[in-house]
Amino acid sequence: MTNGWCGLIFKQCCERWEGSNAFFRVWVIVLLLLLGWALPLLAQTVPPVPATAYVNLIVIDSMINPATADFIHESLARSADEGAQALVIQLDTPGGLLTSTKDIVQDIFAARLPVIVYVAPSGGGAGSAGVFITMAGHVAAMAPGTTIGAAHPVASGGQDVEGDMRKKVENFTATFSESIAQRRGRNVEWAEKAVRDSVVITETEALQKKVVDFTAVDIQDLLRKADGRKVEVGNASVVVKTKLAQSADAPVRVVQLEMRLKHKMLNIVADPTVAYLLMMAGLLGLYLEFSHPGLGFAGIGGGICLLLALTAFQVLPISYAGVSLLLLGIGLLVAELFLPTFGLLGVGGIVAFVLGSLFLFDTPAQEVMVARSVIVTVALCAGLIMFGLTMLAARAWRQKPVSGTGGLVGAIGEVRVRIAPRGKVWINGEYWNAESDEEINVGQKIEVVALHGLMMQVRKAVER
């Protein structure tokens, strides 16, 4: 009985699927793909909490962005809730977004347990945003062969901030760096130079200048040297305990926390340029699917790209004016395909598209922005496509019709029933009623001048 019901339901589902349109099929497949993407996240297991004393460890080895900030925020909360002795942040980063860095620093200052920032492994470094995070830690250490510095603010595309905004952002960032150093008792003068002069120093110089507390060759050495230090956690003075009570030299157990799938995905798509390209790919895919129903792959790919872009836009500072200009530009480019204006709508679409791309992200000093080279490349591609379509439209406009009623004008035929003023002609294998301002005898050649319904206006063909 059960098998019969299952078979009936399966049969009805197949019939509904075959009778559905392309739009419905695309979104069903997109939803199934998203469900398959979310299931591993929901089923992800949490490692058990050790019964003995332990510290949590997280590894940050990429750009500082909203995904990184959210991962550190969750790790701090979880470590405090589960009773970890401390949270170790192993840091190796070239820098990142100032907004995300501020969030991380605020979370470290508000942490309910000691935070140890460890610049490692050897060959790595804490550049730009990494300087602020390192100095914000209750305990700061570096591995041999690492560097720290170069905290001068730049735009996300690597461009220098120009004009009066440069001075404003530089002053703010320098003050931000100084306030962190003052709170943690580190070198305030060097903290300012790291921003204004982009100075970079090694771990040995950092120790001499009191930028960090000590150097450590590995995590075990780090925990041994951090043990017993007094730090300020909130408003209380706390002693860091990273050694086992029953052993004078054995550090506590280390439990590494991994990024959740959400953070890993967001870490990739949160880059402004990646988010921008995903949005363009998504819009292009959906346009192809709606203009050519049944492709399938274009709609599925476009839907996934657009959803990933929207996910990134939830954590990136979006300008609604920039989004509006982008949509206007894309709308004008699409209109050019259906209403050929010989480039007028296309040029307007490209202008709106470029302006929208430039204003897409709303941050001070354009800290978050799409790389200009990407905008230029996309605009050139759109321009070439528009130019090609305009040429095709112009050619079609000038070309004489070869089929339908329009293709009969100018055609040559033969009179079969004398025209005086009406008669019949044979043209393209068909009989047509015809009229003329002059008499034309049977057998003479005629040329079609115009077509009025089922009546042809003809004249004597000129011999050539």
Protein backbone atom coordinates (compact mmCIF):
# COMPACT_ATOMS: atom_id res chain seq x y z
CA MET A 1 0.00 0.00 0.00
CA THR A 2 2.79 2.40 0.93
CA ASN A 3 4.67 1.66 -2.28
CA GLY A 4 1.50 2.39 -4.26
CA TRP A 5 1.04 5.80 -2.65
CA CYS A 6 4.73 6.64 -3.12
CA GLY A 7 4.53 5.66 -6.78
CA LEU A 8 1.40 7.78 -7.28
CA ILE A 9 2.96 10.81 -5.63
CA PHE A 10 6.15 10.37 -7.66
CA LYS A 11 4.10 10.10 -10.87
CA GLN A 12 2.15 13.28 -10.07
CA CYS A 13 5.38 15.16 -9.28
CA CYS A 14 6.87 14.09 -12.61
CA GLU A 15 3.74 15.20 -14.47
CA ARG A 16 3.76 18.58 -12.74
CA TRP A 17 7.47 18.99 -13.50
CA GLU A 18 6.96 18.25 -17.20
CA GLY A 19 4.07 20.72 -17.35
CA SER A 20 5.87 23.53 -15.53
CA ASN A 21 7.58 26.47 -17.23
CA ALA A 22 11.30 27.19 -17.32
CA PHE A 23 11.11 29.85 -14.61
CA PHE A 24 9.55 27.40 -12.13
CA ARG A 25 12.13 24.71 -12.92
CA VAL A 26 15.07 27.10 -12.47
CA TRP A 27 14.02 28.23 -9.03
CA VAL A 28 13.18 24.70 -7.84
CA ILE A 29 16.71 23.60 -8.79
CA VAL A 30 18.20 26.71 -7.11
CA LEU A 31 16.30 25.95 -3.89
CA LEU A 32 17.45 22.33 -3.95
CA LEU A 33 21.07 23.44 -4.41
CA LEU A 34 20.77 25.90 -1.52
CA LEU A 35 19.27 23.17 0.66
CA GLY A 36 22.19 20.89 -0.20
CA TRP A 37 24.60 23.74 0.66
CA ALA A 38 22.91 24.41 4.02
CA LEU A 39 22.57 20.81 5.25
CA PRO A 40 26.30 20.33 6.02
CA LEU A 41 26.21 23.61 7.93
CA LEU A 42 23.22 22.49 10.02
CA ALA A 43 24.72 19.07 10.62
CA GLN A 44 28.15 20.38 11.56
CA THR A 45 29.27 18.89 14.85
CA VAL A 46 30.82 20.90 17.66
CA PRO A 47 34.01 19.44 19.15
CA PRO A 48 33.55 18.34 22.78
CA VAL A 49 34.82 20.59 25.54
CA PRO A 50 37.84 19.06 27.30
CA ALA A 51 37.34 18.17 30.97
CA THR A 52 40.73 19.63 31.94
CA ALA A 53 41.94 23.22 31.60
CA TYR A 54 42.39 24.32 28.00
CA VAL A 55 42.72 27.30 25.66
CA ASN A 56 40.99 27.82 22.36
CA LEU A 57 42.98 28.60 19.22
CA ILE A 58 41.78 30.22 16.00
CA VAL A 59 43.91 30.82 12.92
CA ILE A 60 43.42 33.99 10.85
CA ASP A 61 45.53 33.78 7.70
CA SER A 62 43.58 35.93 5.24
CA MET A 63 42.30 39.46 4.74
CA ILE A 64 40.41 41.07 7.60
CA ASN A 65 36.78 41.34 6.49
CA PRO A 66 33.26 40.95 7.95
CA ALA A 67 33.57 37.15 7.91
CA THR A 68 36.79 37.32 9.94
CA ALA A 69 35.21 39.76 12.40
CA ASP A 70 32.16 37.53 12.87
CA PHE A 71 34.34 34.44 13.36
CA ILE A 72 36.41 36.17 16.07
CA HIS A 73 33.24 37.49 17.74
CA GLU A 74 31.72 34.00 17.90
CA SER A 75 35.00 32.45 19.08
CA LEU A 76 35.30 34.97 21.93
CA ALA A 77 31.73 34.35 23.08
CA ARG A 78 32.04 30.57 22.85
CA SER A 79 35.40 30.48 24.64
CA ALA A 80 34.05 32.56 27.53
CA ASP A 81 30.80 30.56 27.77
CA GLU A 82 32.57 27.18 27.78
CA GLY A 83 35.21 28.15 30.33
CA ALA A 84 38.40 28.32 28.24
CA GLN A 85 41.42 29.82 30.02
CA ALA A 86 42.14 32.12 27.07
CA LEU A 87 41.62 32.57 23.35
CA VAL A 88 44.73 32.50 21.16
CA ILE A 89 44.45 34.30 17.81
CA GLN A 90 47.21 33.13 15.48
CA LEU A 91 47.47 36.00 13.02
CA ASP A 92 49.02 36.25 9.57
CA THR A 93 47.34 38.93 7.47
CA PRO A 94 48.30 41.61 4.93
CA GLY A 95 45.50 43.85 6.27
CA GLY A 96 41.86 44.42 5.50
CA LEU A 97 38.85 46.63 6.10
CA LEU A 98 39.10 49.28 8.78
CA THR A 99 35.43 48.83 9.68
CA SER A 100 35.92 45.11 10.38
CA THR A 101 39.15 45.85 12.27
CA LYS A 102 37.30 48.27 14.55
CA ASP A 103 34.70 45.60 15.28
CA ILE A 104 37.42 43.09 16.18
CA VAL A 105 39.24 45.55 18.45
CA GLN A 106 35.99 46.42 20.22
CA ASP A 107 35.25 42.72 20.75
CA ILE A 108 38.73 42.11 22.19
CA PHE A 109 38.38 45.08 24.55
CA ALA A 110 34.99 43.74 25.69
CA ALA A 111 36.18 40.11 25.96
CA ARG A 112 35.35 38.15 29.13
CA LEU A 113 38.61 36.18 29.02
CA PRO A 114 42.26 36.93 28.15
CA VAL A 115 43.01 37.23 24.42
CA ILE A 116 46.49 36.30 23.21
CA VAL A 117 47.41 37.52 19.71
CA TYR A 118 50.29 35.54 18.20
CA VAL A 119 51.79 36.69 14.89
CA ALA A 120 52.83 33.42 13.24
CA PRO A 121 54.06 31.31 11.52
CA SER A 122 57.60 32.31 10.61
CA GLY A 123 57.57 34.26 7.36
CA GLY A 124 54.15 35.71 8.14
CA GLY A 125 53.26 39.12 9.46
CA ALA A 126 50.66 41.51 10.82
CA GLY A 127 50.29 44.19 8.19
CA SER A 128 47.96 47.16 8.22
CA ALA A 129 44.81 46.01 10.08
CA GLY A 130 46.87 43.29 11.76
CA VAL A 131 48.81 45.97 13.67
CA PHE A 132 45.69 47.15 15.51
CA ILE A 133 44.53 43.61 16.30
CA THR A 134 47.95 42.59 17.63
CA MET A 135 48.28 45.64 19.87
CA ALA A 136 44.69 45.18 21.13
CA GLY A 137 45.43 41.72 22.57
CA HIS A 138 45.85 41.34 26.32
CA VAL A 139 49.05 39.51 25.45
CA ALA A 140 50.88 40.12 22.14
CA ALA A 141 53.66 37.88 20.80
CA MET A 142 55.46 37.19 17.53
CA ALA A 143 57.19 34.15 16.07
CA PRO A 144 60.78 34.38 14.80
CA GLY A 145 61.01 35.67 11.22
CA THR A 146 57.75 37.66 11.31
CA THR A 147 57.05 41.36 10.74
CA ILE A 148 54.54 43.97 11.86
CA GLY A 149 53.65 47.44 10.56
CA ALA A 150 52.58 49.33 7.42
CA ALA A 151 49.24 50.47 8.84
CA HIS A 152 48.72 53.45 6.52
CA PRO A 153 45.09 53.49 5.31
CA VAL A 154 44.39 52.75 1.63
CA ALA A 155 41.30 51.89 -0.40
CA SER A 156 40.30 48.25 -0.80
CA GLY A 157 41.61 48.23 -4.38
CA GLY A 158 45.08 49.26 -3.12
CA GLN A 159 44.72 52.87 -4.29
CA ASP A 160 45.92 55.75 -2.15
CA VAL A 161 43.26 57.94 -0.57
CA GLU A 162 43.57 61.40 -2.13
CA GLY A 163 42.79 64.98 -1.16
CA ASP A 164 41.38 66.22 2.13
CA MET A 165 39.87 62.81 2.85
CA ARG A 166 43.38 61.34 3.03
CA LYS A 167 44.29 63.66 5.90
CA LYS A 168 41.04 62.97 7.75
CA VAL A 169 41.34 59.20 7.48
CA GLU A 170 45.04 59.24 8.33
CA ASN A 171 44.44 61.35 11.46
CA PHE A 172 41.58 59.12 12.56
CA THR A 173 43.57 55.92 12.01
CA ALA A 174 46.64 57.30 13.80
CA THR A 175 44.52 58.31 16.80
CA PHE A 176 42.84 54.91 16.77
CA SER A 177 46.25 53.20 16.82
CA GLU A 178 47.51 55.46 19.64
CA SER A 179 44.45 54.81 21.80
CA ILE A 180 44.93 51.03 21.48
CA ALA A 181 48.62 51.31 22.40
CA GLN A 182 47.83 53.51 25.43
CA ARG A 183 45.20 51.13 26.74
CA ARG A 184 47.51 48.12 26.49
CA GLY A 185 50.66 49.97 27.64
CA ARG A 186 52.47 49.57 24.33
CA ASN A 187 54.69 51.96 22.34
CA VAL A 188 52.41 54.89 21.43
CA GLU A 189 55.04 56.68 19.33
CA TRP A 190 55.65 53.64 17.15
CA ALA A 191 51.90 53.04 16.81
CA GLU A 192 51.56 56.50 15.25
CA LYS A 193 54.54 55.99 12.92
CA ALA A 194 53.11 52.67 11.72
CA VAL A 195 50.13 54.64 10.39
CA ARG A 196 51.68 57.90 9.18
CA ASP A 197 55.01 56.56 7.87
CA SER A 198 54.04 52.90 7.17
CA VAL A 199 57.08 51.65 9.11
CA VAL A 200 57.62 47.89 9.29
CA ILE A 201 59.74 46.15 11.94
CA THR A 202 60.80 42.57 12.72
CA GLU A 203 59.89 40.61 15.84
CA THR A 204 63.22 41.53 17.46
CA GLU A 205 62.64 45.27 16.94
CA ALA A 206 59.02 44.91 18.04
CA LEU A 207 60.19 43.37 21.33
CA GLN A 208 62.80 46.11 21.85
CA LYS A 209 60.29 48.88 21.13
CA LYS A 210 57.66 47.26 23.42
CA VAL A 211 55.21 46.75 20.60
CA VAL A 212 54.77 43.10 21.69
CA ASP A 213 55.39 41.39 25.03
CA PHE A 214 57.69 38.57 23.93
CA THR A 215 58.63 36.20 21.09
CA ALA A 216 57.68 32.52 20.98
CA VAL A 217 58.83 29.75 18.66
CA ASP A 218 55.51 27.87 18.72
CA ILE A 219 52.15 27.63 20.48
CA GLN A 220 53.53 25.57 23.38
CA ASP A 221 56.29 28.13 23.97
CA LEU A 222 53.68 30.90 23.70
CA LEU A 223 51.51 29.36 26.44
CA ARG A 224 54.46 28.80 28.74
CA LYS A 225 55.59 32.43 28.45
CA ALA A 226 52.07 33.87 28.71
CA ASP A 227 51.29 32.04 31.95
CA GLY A 228 51.21 34.17 35.08
CA ARG A 229 50.88 37.57 33.35
CA LYS A 230 48.42 40.01 34.88
CA VAL A 231 46.02 41.57 32.38
CA GLU A 232 42.92 43.75 32.57
CA VAL A 233 39.81 41.85 31.48
CA GLY A 234 36.91 44.25 31.65
CA ASN A 235 37.33 46.13 34.93
CA ALA A 236 39.09 43.31 36.74
CA SER A 237 42.70 42.26 36.98
CA VAL A 238 43.12 38.67 35.82
CA VAL A 239 46.12 36.32 35.88
CA VAL A 240 46.62 34.36 32.67
CA LYS A 241 46.65 30.62 33.41
CA THR A 242 48.00 28.66 30.48
CA LYS A 243 49.95 25.96 32.38
CA LEU A 244 48.65 22.87 34.11
CA ALA A 245 48.42 23.29 37.90
CA GLN A 246 50.09 19.94 38.57
CA SER A 247 53.04 20.67 36.27
CA ALA A 248 55.45 23.57 36.40
CA ASP A 249 56.20 23.59 32.66
CA ALA A 250 53.41 21.75 30.82
CA PRO A 251 50.97 24.06 29.00
CA VAL A 252 47.26 23.41 28.99
CA ARG A 253 45.53 21.61 26.16
CA VAL A 254 44.91 23.54 22.94
CA VAL A 255 41.55 23.19 21.16
CA GLN A 256 41.45 24.68 17.66
CA LEU A 257 38.17 26.22 16.53
CA GLU A 258 37.47 26.08 12.80
CA MET A 259 35.51 28.53 10.70
CA ARG A 260 31.96 27.41 10.05
CA LEU A 261 30.90 26.93 6.45
CA LYS A 262 29.07 30.25 6.65
CA HIS A 263 32.28 32.06 7.52
CA LYS A 264 34.30 30.24 4.86
CA MET A 265 31.81 31.18 2.14
CA LEU A 266 31.48 34.75 3.39
CA ASN A 267 35.26 35.05 3.59
CA ILE A 268 35.40 34.45 -0.17
CA VAL A 269 32.44 36.53 -1.37
CA ALA A 270 32.89 39.46 1.06
CA ASP A 271 35.61 40.91 -1.16
CA PRO A 272 33.98 43.92 -2.89
CA THR A 273 35.31 42.99 -6.33
CA VAL A 274 34.19 39.36 -5.99
CA ALA A 275 30.72 40.46 -4.84
CA TYR A 276 30.49 42.85 -7.78
CA LEU A 277 31.47 40.20 -10.33
CA LEU A 278 29.03 37.71 -8.77
CA MET A 279 26.23 40.24 -9.12
CA MET A 280 27.11 40.88 -12.78
CA ALA A 281 27.28 37.13 -13.49
CA GLY A 282 23.95 36.59 -11.75
CA LEU A 283 22.15 39.31 -13.70
CA LEU A 284 23.64 38.08 -16.98
CA GLY A 285 22.61 34.48 -16.26
CA LEU A 286 19.02 35.41 -15.40
CA TYR A 287 18.77 37.64 -18.48
CA LEU A 288 19.93 34.78 -20.72
CA GLU A 289 17.44 32.41 -19.11
CA PHE A 290 14.47 34.74 -19.51
CA SER A 291 15.39 35.74 -23.06
CA HIS A 292 16.08 32.11 -24.08
CA PRO A 293 13.79 29.92 -21.90
CA GLY A 294 14.90 26.34 -21.48
CA LEU A 295 18.67 26.87 -21.18
CA GLY A 296 18.53 25.87 -17.53
CA PHE A 297 22.21 26.21 -16.67
CA ALA A 298 22.16 29.99 -17.22
CA GLY A 299 19.26 30.50 -14.83
CA ILE A 300 20.66 28.14 -12.21
CA GLY A 301 24.13 29.65 -12.32
CA GLY A 302 22.77 33.18 -12.41
CA GLY A 303 20.46 32.53 -9.46
CA ILE A 304 23.27 31.08 -7.34
CA CYS A 305 25.66 33.94 -8.21
CA LEU A 306 23.00 36.53 -7.40
CA LEU A 307 22.17 34.91 -4.05
CA LEU A 308 25.88 34.81 -3.13
CA ALA A 309 26.21 38.48 -4.10
CA LEU A 310 23.19 39.39 -1.96
CA THR A 311 24.77 37.47 0.93
CA ALA A 312 27.92 39.56 0.59
CA PHE A 313 25.93 42.78 0.32
CA GLN A 314 24.38 42.07 3.73
CA VAL A 315 27.77 42.64 5.38
CA LEU A 316 29.20 45.21 2.98
CA PRO A 317 28.22 48.91 3.15
CA ILE A 318 26.01 49.31 0.07
CA SER A 319 24.95 52.65 -1.42
CA TYR A 320 21.34 52.53 -2.63
CA ALA A 321 22.13 55.29 -5.12
CA GLY A 322 24.87 53.11 -6.62
CA VAL A 323 22.55 50.09 -6.81
CA SER A 324 19.84 52.22 -8.47
CA LEU A 325 22.29 53.49 -11.09
CA LEU A 326 23.47 49.93 -11.76
CA LEU A 327 19.93 48.67 -12.26
CA LEU A 328 19.14 51.65 -14.50
CA GLY A 329 22.24 50.98 -16.60
CA ILE A 330 21.44 47.29 -16.97
CA GLY A 331 17.82 48.13 -17.81
CA LEU A 332 18.90 50.53 -20.57
CA LEU A 333 21.31 47.97 -22.01
CA VAL A 334 18.55 45.35 -22.08
CA ALA A 335 16.14 47.87 -23.66
CA GLU A 336 18.68 48.47 -26.42
CA LEU A 337 18.33 44.81 -27.41
CA PHE A 338 14.58 45.05 -27.90
CA LEU A 339 14.21 48.72 -28.95
CA PRO A 340 17.21 49.45 -31.18
CA THR A 341 17.98 53.17 -30.96
CA PHE A 342 21.34 52.85 -32.76
CA GLY A 343 23.30 53.16 -29.51
CA LEU A 344 21.44 55.95 -27.70
CA LEU A 345 20.02 53.75 -24.93
CA GLY A 346 23.21 51.70 -24.87
CA VAL A 347 25.48 54.71 -24.26
CA GLY A 348 23.18 55.94 -21.51
CA GLY A 349 23.18 52.46 -19.99
CA ILE A 350 26.98 52.24 -19.95
CA VAL A 351 27.30 55.70 -18.34
CA ALA A 352 24.78 54.78 -15.63
CA PHE A 353 26.44 51.39 -15.21
CA VAL A 354 29.93 52.88 -14.67
CA LEU A 355 28.65 55.55 -12.23
CA GLY A 356 26.72 52.91 -10.29
CA SER A 357 29.83 50.71 -10.07
CA LEU A 358 31.89 53.61 -8.72
CA PHE A 359 29.28 54.55 -6.12
CA LEU A 360 28.23 50.99 -5.23
CA PHE A 361 29.85 50.93 -1.78
CA ASP A 362 29.25 53.71 0.73
CA THR A 363 32.22 54.15 3.08
CA PRO A 364 34.43 57.05 4.16
CA ALA A 365 37.35 57.64 1.81
CA GLN A 366 36.12 54.81 -0.42
CA GLU A 367 37.70 52.23 1.89
CA VAL A 368 35.48 49.59 0.28
CA MET A 369 35.34 49.85 -3.50
CA VAL A 370 35.48 47.81 -6.68
CA ALA A 371 38.86 47.86 -8.42
CA ARG A 372 38.79 50.44 -11.21
CA SER A 373 40.37 47.97 -13.64
CA VAL A 374 37.43 45.58 -13.11
CA ILE A 375 34.88 48.36 -13.72
CA VAL A 376 36.67 49.46 -16.90
CA THR A 377 36.88 45.86 -18.18
CA VAL A 378 33.18 45.16 -17.55
CA ALA A 379 32.18 48.51 -19.09
CA LEU A 380 34.31 47.82 -22.19
CA CYS A 381 32.75 44.38 -22.60
CA ALA A 382 29.26 45.87 -22.29
CA GLY A 383 30.24 48.60 -24.77
CA LEU A 384 31.53 46.08 -27.32
CA ILE A 385 28.37 44.00 -27.00
CA MET A 386 26.24 47.13 -27.44
CA PHE A 387 28.30 48.25 -30.46
CA GLY A 388 27.92 44.83 -32.09
CA LEU A 389 24.17 44.77 -31.52
CA THR A 390 23.86 48.32 -32.85
CA MET A 391 25.68 47.35 -36.05
CA LEU A 392 23.40 44.35 -36.51
CA ALA A 393 20.33 46.53 -35.96
CA ALA A 394 21.56 49.15 -38.44
CA ARG A 395 22.26 46.48 -41.05
CA ALA A 396 18.82 44.99 -40.55
CA TRP A 397 17.28 48.46 -40.86
CA ARG A 398 18.96 49.10 -44.23
CA GLN A 399 18.49 45.60 -45.61
CA LYS A 400 15.56 44.99 -47.89
CA PRO A 401 13.05 42.45 -46.51
CA VAL A 402 13.32 39.05 -48.14
CA SER A 403 10.18 37.46 -46.73
CA GLY A 404 6.64 38.41 -45.77
CA THR A 405 4.65 41.20 -47.39
CA GLY A 406 7.59 43.59 -47.13
CA GLY A 407 9.62 41.27 -49.32
CA LEU A 408 7.14 41.62 -52.23
CA VAL A 409 7.78 45.33 -52.76
CA GLY A 410 10.14 45.66 -55.73
CA ALA A 411 9.56 42.06 -56.85
CA ILE A 412 9.14 41.32 -60.59
CA GLY A 413 6.12 39.38 -61.86
CA GLU A 414 4.08 38.69 -65.02
CA VAL A 415 0.59 39.81 -66.00
CA ARG A 416 -1.81 36.87 -66.40
CA VAL A 417 -5.10 38.85 -66.67
CA ARG A 418 -4.95 42.23 -68.45
CA ILE A 419 -4.74 45.15 -66.06
CA ALA A 420 -7.14 47.94 -67.04
CA PRO A 421 -6.96 49.25 -64.38
CA ARG A 422 -7.24 45.95 -62.45
CA GLY A 423 -6.20 42.44 -63.28
CA LYS A 424 -4.13 39.53 -62.01
CA VAL A 425 -0.41 38.93 -61.88
CA TRP A 426 1.76 35.87 -61.21
CA ILE A 427 4.54 36.50 -58.72
CA ASN A 428 6.65 34.19 -56.54
CA GLY A 429 4.49 31.21 -57.53
CA GLU A 430 1.22 32.91 -56.51
CA TYR A 431 -1.67 34.77 -58.16
CA TRP A 432 -2.29 38.28 -56.85
CA ASN A 433 -4.93 40.91 -57.59
CA ALA A 434 -3.21 43.96 -59.04
CA GLU A 435 -4.01 47.50 -60.15
CA SER A 436 -2.09 50.12 -62.02
CA ASP A 437 -2.37 53.68 -63.32
CA GLU A 438 -1.62 52.37 -66.81
CA GLU A 439 -2.88 49.52 -68.95
CA ILE A 440 -0.63 46.45 -68.98
CA ASN A 441 -1.23 43.54 -71.35
CA VAL A 442 -0.94 39.83 -70.62
CA GLY A 443 2.61 38.50 -70.65
CA GLN A 444 4.26 41.81 -69.82
CA LYS A 445 6.58 42.10 -66.82
CA ILE A 446 5.51 44.22 -63.87
CA GLU A 447 7.18 45.54 -60.70
CA VAL A 448 5.39 45.69 -57.37
CA VAL A 449 5.23 49.26 -56.04
CA ALA A 450 3.14 48.78 -52.90
CA LEU A 451 0.79 46.35 -51.21
CA HIS A 452 -2.63 47.37 -49.84
CA GLY A 453 -4.09 44.36 -48.08
CA LEU A 454 -4.53 41.74 -50.82
CA MET A 455 -4.28 44.29 -53.64
CA MET A 456 -0.93 45.00 -55.28
CA GLN A 457 -0.04 48.37 -56.77
CA VAL A 458 2.14 47.64 -59.80
CA ARG A 459 3.76 49.31 -62.80
CA LYS A 460 5.51 48.17 -65.98
CA ALA A 461 8.90 46.74 -65.19
CA VAL A 462 11.80 48.73 -66.53
CA GLU A 463 13.98 46.62 -68.81
CA ARG A 464 17.58 46.40 -67.69
